[in-house]
Amino acid sequence: NKIHVETICQYVTEHLKAFKDAKI
C-alpha cells in the first residue's frame, strides 16, 4: 500500500545519506 511504499522510500533515503556521509 502507499503508506508502506512511503515508509520504505523514506528509509532508503536516510540509509543512502548515512552511507554517503560515512556513518555506515
mmCIF file of all heavy atoms, coordinates in Angstrom:
data_MODEL
# 
_entry.id   MODEL 
# 
loop_
_atom_site.group_PDB 
_atom_site.id 
_atom_site.type_symbol 
_atom_site.label_atom_id 
_atom_site.label_alt_id 
_atom_site.label_comp_id 
_atom_site.label_asym_id 
_atom_site.label_entity_id 
_atom_site.label_seq_id 
_atom_site.pdbx_PDB_ins_code 
_atom_site.Cartn_x 
_atom_site.Cartn_y 
_atom_site.Cartn_z 
_atom_site.occupancy 
_atom_site.B_iso_or_equiv 
_atom_site.pdbx_formal_charge 
_atom_site.auth_seq_id 
_atom_site.auth_comp_id 
_atom_site.auth_asym_id 
_atom_site.auth_atom_id 
_atom_site.pdbx_PDB_model_num 
ATOM 1   N N   . ASN A 1 1  ? 0.843  -1.192 0.000  1.00 0.00 ? 1  ASN A N   1 
ATOM 2   C CA  . ASN A 1 1  ? 0.000  0.000  0.000  1.00 0.00 ? 1  ASN A CA  1 
ATOM 3   C C   . ASN A 1 1  ? 0.882  1.246  0.000  1.00 0.00 ? 1  ASN A C   1 
ATOM 4   O O   . ASN A 1 1  ? 2.089  1.172  0.231  1.00 0.00 ? 1  ASN A O   1 
ATOM 5   C CB  . ASN A 1 1  ? -1.000 -0.006 1.171  1.00 0.00 ? 1  ASN A CB  1 
ATOM 6   C CG  . ASN A 1 1  ? -0.325 0.102  2.522  1.00 0.00 ? 1  ASN A CG  1 
ATOM 7   O OD1 . ASN A 1 1  ? 0.611  0.866  2.699  1.00 0.00 ? 1  ASN A OD1 1 
ATOM 8   N ND2 . ASN A 1 1  ? -0.816 -0.662 3.486  1.00 0.00 ? 1  ASN A ND2 1 
ATOM 9   N N   . LYS A 1 2  ? 0.281  2.397  -0.259 1.00 0.00 ? 2  LYS A N   1 
ATOM 10  C CA  . LYS A 1 2  ? 1.052  3.637  -0.426 1.00 0.00 ? 2  LYS A CA  1 
ATOM 11  C C   . LYS A 1 2  ? 1.814  4.023  0.834  1.00 0.00 ? 2  LYS A C   1 
ATOM 12  O O   . LYS A 1 2  ? 2.913  4.565  0.759  1.00 0.00 ? 2  LYS A O   1 
ATOM 13  C CB  . LYS A 1 2  ? 0.122  4.772  -0.852 1.00 0.00 ? 2  LYS A CB  1 
ATOM 14  C CG  . LYS A 1 2  ? -0.363 4.621  -2.273 1.00 0.00 ? 2  LYS A CG  1 
ATOM 15  C CD  . LYS A 1 2  ? -1.132 5.827  -2.744 1.00 0.00 ? 2  LYS A CD  1 
ATOM 16  C CE  . LYS A 1 2  ? -1.542 5.628  -4.189 1.00 0.00 ? 2  LYS A CE  1 
ATOM 17  N NZ  . LYS A 1 2  ? -2.160 6.810  -4.777 1.00 0.00 ? 2  LYS A NZ  1 
ATOM 18  N N   . ILE A 1 3  ? 1.252  3.743  1.988  1.00 0.00 ? 3  ILE A N   1 
ATOM 19  C CA  . ILE A 1 3  ? 1.923  4.085  3.254  1.00 0.00 ? 3  ILE A CA  1 
ATOM 20  C C   . ILE A 1 3  ? 3.210  3.276  3.394  1.00 0.00 ? 3  ILE A C   1 
ATOM 21  O O   . ILE A 1 3  ? 4.251  3.808  3.779  1.00 0.00 ? 3  ILE A O   1 
ATOM 22  C CB  . ILE A 1 3  ? 0.995  3.849  4.468  1.00 0.00 ? 3  ILE A CB  1 
ATOM 23  C CG1 . ILE A 1 3  ? -0.177 4.827  4.408  1.00 0.00 ? 3  ILE A CG1 1 
ATOM 24  C CG2 . ILE A 1 3  ? 1.751  3.982  5.773  1.00 0.00 ? 3  ILE A CG2 1 
ATOM 25  C CD1 . ILE A 1 3  ? -1.267 4.555  5.403  1.00 0.00 ? 3  ILE A CD1 1 
ATOM 26  N N   . HIS A 1 4  ? 3.146  1.994  3.062  1.00 0.00 ? 4  HIS A N   1 
ATOM 27  C CA  . HIS A 1 4  ? 4.342  1.150  3.159  1.00 0.00 ? 4  HIS A CA  1 
ATOM 28  C C   . HIS A 1 4  ? 5.392  1.539  2.120  1.00 0.00 ? 4  HIS A C   1 
ATOM 29  O O   . HIS A 1 4  ? 6.589  1.522  2.413  1.00 0.00 ? 4  HIS A O   1 
ATOM 30  C CB  . HIS A 1 4  ? 3.968  -0.324 3.026  1.00 0.00 ? 4  HIS A CB  1 
ATOM 31  C CG  . HIS A 1 4  ? 3.141  -0.816 4.173  1.00 0.00 ? 4  HIS A CG  1 
ATOM 32  N ND1 . HIS A 1 4  ? 2.314  -1.907 4.078  1.00 0.00 ? 4  HIS A ND1 1 
ATOM 33  C CD2 . HIS A 1 4  ? 2.993  -0.357 5.436  1.00 0.00 ? 4  HIS A CD2 1 
ATOM 34  C CE1 . HIS A 1 4  ? 1.699  -2.111 5.230  1.00 0.00 ? 4  HIS A CE1 1 
ATOM 35  N NE2 . HIS A 1 4  ? 2.095  -1.169 6.065  1.00 0.00 ? 4  HIS A NE2 1 
ATOM 36  N N   . VAL A 1 5  ? 4.942  1.909  0.915  1.00 0.00 ? 5  VAL A N   1 
ATOM 37  C CA  . VAL A 1 5  ? 5.885  2.385  -0.108 1.00 0.00 ? 5  VAL A CA  1 
ATOM 38  C C   . VAL A 1 5  ? 6.583  3.632  0.406  1.00 0.00 ? 5  VAL A C   1 
ATOM 39  O O   . VAL A 1 5  ? 7.814  3.769  0.292  1.00 0.00 ? 5  VAL A O   1 
ATOM 40  C CB  . VAL A 1 5  ? 5.161  2.673  -1.447 1.00 0.00 ? 5  VAL A CB  1 
ATOM 41  C CG1 . VAL A 1 5  ? 6.086  3.393  -2.422 1.00 0.00 ? 5  VAL A CG1 1 
ATOM 42  C CG2 . VAL A 1 5  ? 4.642  1.381  -2.068 1.00 0.00 ? 5  VAL A CG2 1 
ATOM 43  N N   . GLU A 1 6  ? 5.817  4.547  0.997  1.00 0.00 ? 6  GLU A N   1 
ATOM 44  C CA  . GLU A 1 6  ? 6.392  5.787  1.526  1.00 0.00 ? 6  GLU A CA  1 
ATOM 45  C C   . GLU A 1 6  ? 7.385  5.494  2.648  1.00 0.00 ? 6  GLU A C   1 
ATOM 46  O O   . GLU A 1 6  ? 8.461  6.092  2.717  1.00 0.00 ? 6  GLU A O   1 
ATOM 47  C CB  . GLU A 1 6  ? 5.270  6.704  2.037  1.00 0.00 ? 6  GLU A CB  1 
ATOM 48  C CG  . GLU A 1 6  ? 5.741  8.054  2.507  1.00 0.00 ? 6  GLU A CG  1 
ATOM 49  C CD  . GLU A 1 6  ? 6.436  8.863  1.415  1.00 0.00 ? 6  GLU A CD  1 
ATOM 50  O OE1 . GLU A 1 6  ? 6.083  8.718  0.233  1.00 0.00 ? 6  GLU A OE1 1 
ATOM 51  O OE2 . GLU A 1 6  ? 7.351  9.638  1.761  1.00 0.00 ? 6  GLU A OE2 1 
ATOM 52  N N   . THR A 1 7  ? 7.044  4.561  3.523  1.00 0.00 ? 7  THR A N   1 
ATOM 53  C CA  . THR A 1 7  ? 7.945  4.179  4.626  1.00 0.00 ? 7  THR A CA  1 
ATOM 54  C C   . THR A 1 7  ? 9.268  3.653  4.091  1.00 0.00 ? 7  THR A C   1 
ATOM 55  O O   . THR A 1 7  ? 10.340 4.050  4.551  1.00 0.00 ? 7  THR A O   1 
ATOM 56  C CB  . THR A 1 7  ? 7.271  3.101  5.514  1.00 0.00 ? 7  THR A CB  1 
ATOM 57  O OG1 . THR A 1 7  ? 6.072  3.639  6.056  1.00 0.00 ? 7  THR A OG1 1 
ATOM 58  C CG2 . THR A 1 7  ? 8.181  2.648  6.632  1.00 0.00 ? 7  THR A CG2 1 
ATOM 59  N N   . ILE A 1 8  ? 9.190  2.767  3.103  1.00 0.00 ? 8  ILE A N   1 
ATOM 60  C CA  . ILE A 1 8  ? 10.399 2.195  2.511  1.00 0.00 ? 8  ILE A CA  1 
ATOM 61  C C   . ILE A 1 8  ? 11.229 3.287  1.833  1.00 0.00 ? 8  ILE A C   1 
ATOM 62  O O   . ILE A 1 8  ? 12.446 3.348  2.001  1.00 0.00 ? 8  ILE A O   1 
ATOM 63  C CB  . ILE A 1 8  ? 10.040 1.067  1.525  1.00 0.00 ? 8  ILE A CB  1 
ATOM 64  C CG1 . ILE A 1 8  ? 9.441  -0.115 2.292  1.00 0.00 ? 8  ILE A CG1 1 
ATOM 65  C CG2 . ILE A 1 8  ? 11.254 0.626  0.720  1.00 0.00 ? 8  ILE A CG2 1 
ATOM 66  C CD1 . ILE A 1 8  ? 8.751  -1.140 1.415  1.00 0.00 ? 8  ILE A CD1 1 
ATOM 67  N N   . CYS A 1 9  ? 10.573 4.164  1.085  1.00 0.00 ? 9  CYS A N   1 
ATOM 68  C CA  . CYS A 1 9  ? 11.289 5.231  0.379  1.00 0.00 ? 9  CYS A CA  1 
ATOM 69  C C   . CYS A 1 9  ? 11.981 6.178  1.357  1.00 0.00 ? 9  CYS A C   1 
ATOM 70  O O   . CYS A 1 9  ? 13.126 6.579  1.130  1.00 0.00 ? 9  CYS A O   1 
ATOM 71  C CB  . CYS A 1 9  ? 10.327 6.002  -0.527 1.00 0.00 ? 9  CYS A CB  1 
ATOM 72  S SG  . CYS A 1 9  ? 9.820  5.044  -1.971 1.00 0.00 ? 9  CYS A SG  1 
ATOM 73  N N   . GLN A 1 10 ? 11.306 6.525  2.438  1.00 0.00 ? 10 GLN A N   1 
ATOM 74  C CA  . GLN A 1 10 ? 11.934 7.396  3.445  1.00 0.00 ? 10 GLN A CA  1 
ATOM 75  C C   . GLN A 1 10 ? 13.139 6.697  4.072  1.00 0.00 ? 10 GLN A C   1 
ATOM 76  O O   . GLN A 1 10 ? 14.190 7.316  4.273  1.00 0.00 ? 10 GLN A O   1 
ATOM 77  C CB  . GLN A 1 10 ? 10.930 7.761  4.542  1.00 0.00 ? 10 GLN A CB  1 
ATOM 78  C CG  . GLN A 1 10 ? 9.915  8.795  4.112  1.00 0.00 ? 10 GLN A CG  1 
ATOM 79  C CD  . GLN A 1 10 ? 8.911  9.102  5.211  1.00 0.00 ? 10 GLN A CD  1 
ATOM 80  O OE1 . GLN A 1 10 ? 8.793  8.370  6.200  1.00 0.00 ? 10 GLN A OE1 1 
ATOM 81  N NE2 . GLN A 1 10 ? 8.171  10.179 5.036  1.00 0.00 ? 10 GLN A NE2 1 
ATOM 82  N N   . TYR A 1 11 ? 12.973 5.413  4.366  1.00 0.00 ? 11 TYR A N   1 
ATOM 83  C CA  . TYR A 1 11 ? 14.078 4.655  4.950  1.00 0.00 ? 11 TYR A CA  1 
ATOM 84  C C   . TYR A 1 11 ? 15.278 4.641  4.000  1.00 0.00 ? 11 TYR A C   1 
ATOM 85  O O   . TYR A 1 11 ? 16.411 4.910  4.405  1.00 0.00 ? 11 TYR A O   1 
ATOM 86  C CB  . TYR A 1 11 ? 13.669 3.216  5.292  1.00 0.00 ? 11 TYR A CB  1 
ATOM 87  C CG  . TYR A 1 11 ? 14.870 2.404  5.657  1.00 0.00 ? 11 TYR A CG  1 
ATOM 88  C CD1 . TYR A 1 11 ? 15.406 2.477  6.943  1.00 0.00 ? 11 TYR A CD1 1 
ATOM 89  C CD2 . TYR A 1 11 ? 15.542 1.644  4.703  1.00 0.00 ? 11 TYR A CD2 1 
ATOM 90  C CE1 . TYR A 1 11 ? 16.563 1.796  7.264  1.00 0.00 ? 11 TYR A CE1 1 
ATOM 91  C CE2 . TYR A 1 11 ? 16.696 0.958  5.023  1.00 0.00 ? 11 TYR A CE2 1 
ATOM 92  C CZ  . TYR A 1 11 ? 17.201 1.029  6.301  1.00 0.00 ? 11 TYR A CZ  1 
ATOM 93  O OH  . TYR A 1 11 ? 18.365 0.364  6.619  1.00 0.00 ? 11 TYR A OH  1 
ATOM 94  N N   . VAL A 1 12 ? 15.038 4.307  2.728  1.00 0.00 ? 12 VAL A N   1 
ATOM 95  C CA  . VAL A 1 12 ? 16.135 4.190  1.758  1.00 0.00 ? 12 VAL A CA  1 
ATOM 96  C C   . VAL A 1 12 ? 16.860 5.527  1.609  1.00 0.00 ? 12 VAL A C   1 
ATOM 97  O O   . VAL A 1 12 ? 18.099 5.567  1.535  1.00 0.00 ? 12 VAL A O   1 
ATOM 98  C CB  . VAL A 1 12 ? 15.618 3.671  0.397  1.00 0.00 ? 12 VAL A CB  1 
ATOM 99  C CG1 . VAL A 1 12 ? 16.695 3.769  -0.669 1.00 0.00 ? 12 VAL A CG1 1 
ATOM 100 C CG2 . VAL A 1 12 ? 15.139 2.228  0.531  1.00 0.00 ? 12 VAL A CG2 1 
ATOM 101 N N   . THR A 1 13 ? 16.109 6.629  1.599  1.00 0.00 ? 13 THR A N   1 
ATOM 102 C CA  . THR A 1 13 ? 16.728 7.956  1.501  1.00 0.00 ? 13 THR A CA  1 
ATOM 103 C C   . THR A 1 13 ? 17.678 8.182  2.677  1.00 0.00 ? 13 THR A C   1 
ATOM 104 O O   . THR A 1 13 ? 18.815 8.628  2.495  1.00 0.00 ? 13 THR A O   1 
ATOM 105 C CB  . THR A 1 13 ? 15.646 9.052  1.458  1.00 0.00 ? 13 THR A CB  1 
ATOM 106 O OG1 . THR A 1 13 ? 14.868 8.868  0.262  1.00 0.00 ? 13 THR A OG1 1 
ATOM 107 C CG2 . THR A 1 13 ? 16.261 10.442 1.453  1.00 0.00 ? 13 THR A CG2 1 
ATOM 108 N N   . GLU A 1 14 ? 17.221 7.854  3.878  1.00 0.00 ? 14 GLU A N   1 
ATOM 109 C CA  . GLU A 1 14 ? 18.073 8.046  5.064  1.00 0.00 ? 14 GLU A CA  1 
ATOM 110 C C   . GLU A 1 14 ? 19.240 7.073  5.085  1.00 0.00 ? 14 GLU A C   1 
ATOM 111 O O   . GLU A 1 14 ? 20.341 7.416  5.506  1.00 0.00 ? 14 GLU A O   1 
ATOM 112 C CB  . GLU A 1 14 ? 17.237 7.925  6.341  1.00 0.00 ? 14 GLU A CB  1 
ATOM 113 C CG  . GLU A 1 14 ? 16.302 9.102  6.547  1.00 0.00 ? 14 GLU A CG  1 
ATOM 114 C CD  . GLU A 1 14 ? 15.756 9.155  7.964  1.00 0.00 ? 14 GLU A CD  1 
ATOM 115 O OE1 . GLU A 1 14 ? 16.542 8.992  8.926  1.00 0.00 ? 14 GLU A OE1 1 
ATOM 116 O OE2 . GLU A 1 14 ? 14.543 9.344  8.097  1.00 0.00 ? 14 GLU A OE2 1 
ATOM 117 N N   . HIS A 1 15 ? 19.007 5.846  4.633  1.00 0.00 ? 15 HIS A N   1 
ATOM 118 C CA  . HIS A 1 15 ? 20.068 4.839  4.579  1.00 0.00 ? 15 HIS A CA  1 
ATOM 119 C C   . HIS A 1 15 ? 21.183 5.320  3.640  1.00 0.00 ? 15 HIS A C   1 
ATOM 120 O O   . HIS A 1 15 ? 22.365 5.274  3.989  1.00 0.00 ? 15 HIS A O   1 
ATOM 121 C CB  . HIS A 1 15 ? 19.488 3.508  4.098  1.00 0.00 ? 15 HIS A CB  1 
ATOM 122 C CG  . HIS A 1 15 ? 20.453 2.370  4.144  1.00 0.00 ? 15 HIS A CG  1 
ATOM 123 N ND1 . HIS A 1 15 ? 20.149 1.175  4.719  1.00 0.00 ? 15 HIS A ND1 1 
ATOM 124 C CD2 . HIS A 1 15 ? 21.726 2.219  3.675  1.00 0.00 ? 15 HIS A CD2 1 
ATOM 125 C CE1 . HIS A 1 15 ? 21.186 0.340  4.604  1.00 0.00 ? 15 HIS A CE1 1 
ATOM 126 N NE2 . HIS A 1 15 ? 22.148 0.963  3.960  1.00 0.00 ? 15 HIS A NE2 1 
ATOM 127 N N   . LEU A 1 16 ? 20.802 5.770  2.450  1.00 0.00 ? 16 LEU A N   1 
ATOM 128 C CA  . LEU A 1 16 ? 21.796 6.240  1.482  1.00 0.00 ? 16 LEU A CA  1 
ATOM 129 C C   . LEU A 1 16 ? 22.545 7.467  1.998  1.00 0.00 ? 16 LEU A C   1 
ATOM 130 O O   . LEU A 1 16 ? 23.749 7.608  1.784  1.00 0.00 ? 16 LEU A O   1 
ATOM 131 C CB  . LEU A 1 16 ? 21.130 6.552  0.142  1.00 0.00 ? 16 LEU A CB  1 
ATOM 132 C CG  . LEU A 1 16 ? 20.685 5.331  -0.665 1.00 0.00 ? 16 LEU A CG  1 
ATOM 133 C CD1 . LEU A 1 16 ? 19.890 5.752  -1.891 1.00 0.00 ? 16 LEU A CD1 1 
ATOM 134 C CD2 . LEU A 1 16 ? 21.864 4.462  -1.064 1.00 0.00 ? 16 LEU A CD2 1 
ATOM 135 N N   . LYS A 1 17 ? 21.842 8.351  2.672  1.00 0.00 ? 17 LYS A N   1 
ATOM 136 C CA  . LYS A 1 17 ? 22.504 9.537  3.240  1.00 0.00 ? 17 LYS A CA  1 
ATOM 137 C C   . LYS A 1 17 ? 23.533 9.117  4.287  1.00 0.00 ? 17 LYS A C   1 
ATOM 138 O O   . LYS A 1 17 ? 24.656 9.619  4.312  1.00 0.00 ? 17 LYS A O   1 
ATOM 139 C CB  . LYS A 1 17 ? 21.478 10.490 3.844  1.00 0.00 ? 17 LYS A CB  1 
ATOM 140 C CG  . LYS A 1 17 ? 22.110 11.764 4.395  1.00 0.00 ? 17 LYS A CG  1 
ATOM 141 C CD  . LYS A 1 17 ? 21.079 12.749 4.858  1.00 0.00 ? 17 LYS A CD  1 
ATOM 142 C CE  . LYS A 1 17 ? 21.642 14.062 5.345  1.00 0.00 ? 17 LYS A CE  1 
ATOM 143 N NZ  . LYS A 1 17 ? 23.010 14.159 5.681  1.00 0.00 ? 17 LYS A NZ  1 
ATOM 144 N N   . ALA A 1 18 ? 23.156 8.171  5.147  1.00 0.00 ? 18 ALA A N   1 
ATOM 145 C CA  . ALA A 1 18 ? 24.085 7.684  6.176  1.00 0.00 ? 18 ALA A CA  1 
ATOM 146 C C   . ALA A 1 18 ? 25.310 7.041  5.524  1.00 0.00 ? 18 ALA A C   1 
ATOM 147 O O   . ALA A 1 18 ? 26.434 7.209  6.000  1.00 0.00 ? 18 ALA A O   1 
ATOM 148 C CB  . ALA A 1 18 ? 23.383 6.698  7.104  1.00 0.00 ? 18 ALA A CB  1 
ATOM 149 N N   . PHE A 1 19 ? 25.103 6.317  4.421  1.00 0.00 ? 19 PHE A N   1 
ATOM 150 C CA  . PHE A 1 19 ? 26.223 5.689  3.718  1.00 0.00 ? 19 PHE A CA  1 
ATOM 151 C C   . PHE A 1 19 ? 27.124 6.746  3.089  1.00 0.00 ? 19 PHE A C   1 
ATOM 152 O O   . PHE A 1 19 ? 28.342 6.699  3.232  1.00 0.00 ? 19 PHE A O   1 
ATOM 153 C CB  . PHE A 1 19 ? 25.691 4.726  2.653  1.00 0.00 ? 19 PHE A CB  1 
ATOM 154 C CG  . PHE A 1 19 ? 26.779 4.099  1.829  1.00 0.00 ? 19 PHE A CG  1 
ATOM 155 C CD1 . PHE A 1 19 ? 27.634 3.158  2.376  1.00 0.00 ? 19 PHE A CD1 1 
ATOM 156 C CD2 . PHE A 1 19 ? 26.952 4.458  0.496  1.00 0.00 ? 19 PHE A CD2 1 
ATOM 157 C CE1 . PHE A 1 19 ? 28.653 2.580  1.615  1.00 0.00 ? 19 PHE A CE1 1 
ATOM 158 C CE2 . PHE A 1 19 ? 27.956 3.888  -0.273 1.00 0.00 ? 19 PHE A CE2 1 
ATOM 159 C CZ  . PHE A 1 19 ? 28.807 2.949  0.292  1.00 0.00 ? 19 PHE A CZ  1 
ATOM 160 N N   . LYS A 1 20 ? 26.534 7.707  2.394  1.00 0.00 ? 20 LYS A N   1 
ATOM 161 C CA  . LYS A 1 20 ? 27.329 8.754  1.737  1.00 0.00 ? 20 LYS A CA  1 
ATOM 162 C C   . LYS A 1 20 ? 28.064 9.627  2.749  1.00 0.00 ? 20 LYS A C   1 
ATOM 163 O O   . LYS A 1 20 ? 29.141 10.140 2.461  1.00 0.00 ? 20 LYS A O   1 
ATOM 164 C CB  . LYS A 1 20 ? 26.426 9.615  0.852  1.00 0.00 ? 20 LYS A CB  1 
ATOM 165 C CG  . LYS A 1 20 ? 25.960 8.895  -0.398 1.00 0.00 ? 20 LYS A CG  1 
ATOM 166 C CD  . LYS A 1 20 ? 25.044 9.766  -1.227 1.00 0.00 ? 20 LYS A CD  1 
ATOM 167 C CE  . LYS A 1 20 ? 24.607 9.051  -2.491 1.00 0.00 ? 20 LYS A CE  1 
ATOM 168 N NZ  . LYS A 1 20 ? 23.700 9.864  -3.316 1.00 0.00 ? 20 LYS A NZ  1 
ATOM 169 N N   . ASP A 1 21 ? 27.472 9.797  3.935  1.00 0.00 ? 21 ASP A N   1 
ATOM 170 C CA  . ASP A 1 21 ? 28.103 10.599 4.997  1.00 0.00 ? 21 ASP A CA  1 
ATOM 171 C C   . ASP A 1 21 ? 29.095 9.783  5.826  1.00 0.00 ? 21 ASP A C   1 
ATOM 172 O O   . ASP A 1 21 ? 29.594 10.256 6.843  1.00 0.00 ? 21 ASP A O   1 
ATOM 173 C CB  . ASP A 1 21 ? 27.046 11.206 5.918  1.00 0.00 ? 21 ASP A CB  1 
ATOM 174 C CG  . ASP A 1 21 ? 26.188 12.254 5.222  1.00 0.00 ? 21 ASP A CG  1 
ATOM 175 O OD1 . ASP A 1 21 ? 26.570 12.706 4.122  1.00 0.00 ? 21 ASP A OD1 1 
ATOM 176 O OD2 . ASP A 1 21 ? 25.133 12.623 5.784  1.00 0.00 ? 21 ASP A OD2 1 
ATOM 177 N N   . ALA A 1 22 ? 29.339 8.527  5.428  1.00 0.00 ? 22 ALA A N   1 
ATOM 178 C CA  . ALA A 1 22 ? 30.284 7.617  6.096  1.00 0.00 ? 22 ALA A CA  1 
ATOM 179 C C   . ALA A 1 22 ? 29.887 7.312  7.535  1.00 0.00 ? 22 ALA A C   1 
ATOM 180 O O   . ALA A 1 22 ? 30.730 7.017  8.368  1.00 0.00 ? 22 ALA A O   1 
ATOM 181 C CB  . ALA A 1 22 ? 31.700 8.173  6.032  1.00 0.00 ? 22 ALA A CB  1 
ATOM 182 N N   . LYS A 1 23 ? 28.580 7.320  7.824  1.00 0.00 ? 23 LYS A N   1 
ATOM 183 C CA  . LYS A 1 23 ? 28.105 6.924  9.151  1.00 0.00 ? 23 LYS A CA  1 
ATOM 184 C C   . LYS A 1 23 ? 27.929 5.408  9.228  1.00 0.00 ? 23 LYS A C   1 
ATOM 185 O O   . LYS A 1 23 ? 27.916 4.839  10.307 1.00 0.00 ? 23 LYS A O   1 
ATOM 186 C CB  . LYS A 1 23 ? 26.791 7.631  9.478  1.00 0.00 ? 23 LYS A CB  1 
ATOM 187 C CG  . LYS A 1 23 ? 26.962 9.129  9.655  1.00 0.00 ? 23 LYS A CG  1 
ATOM 188 C CD  . LYS A 1 23 ? 25.652 9.805  9.960  1.00 0.00 ? 23 LYS A CD  1 
ATOM 189 C CE  . LYS A 1 23 ? 25.873 11.302 10.115 1.00 0.00 ? 23 LYS A CE  1 
ATOM 190 N NZ  . LYS A 1 23 ? 24.611 12.023 10.217 1.00 0.00 ? 23 LYS A NZ  1 
ATOM 191 N N   . ILE A 1 24 ? 27.751 4.795  8.050  1.00 0.00 ? 24 ILE A N   1 
ATOM 192 C CA  . ILE A 1 24 ? 27.655 3.337  7.955  1.00 0.00 ? 24 ILE A CA  1 
ATOM 193 C C   . ILE A 1 24 ? 28.497 2.876  6.769  1.00 0.00 ? 24 ILE A C   1 
ATOM 194 O O   . ILE A 1 24 ? 28.799 3.661  5.872  1.00 0.00 ? 24 ILE A O   1 
ATOM 195 C CB  . ILE A 1 24 ? 26.190 2.845  7.790  1.00 0.00 ? 24 ILE A CB  1 
ATOM 196 C CG1 . ILE A 1 24 ? 25.562 3.442  6.521  1.00 0.00 ? 24 ILE A CG1 1 
ATOM 197 C CG2 . ILE A 1 24 ? 25.360 3.146  9.021  1.00 0.00 ? 24 ILE A CG2 1 
ATOM 198 C CD1 . ILE A 1 24 ? 24.208 2.867  6.168  1.00 0.00 ? 24 ILE A CD1 1 
# 
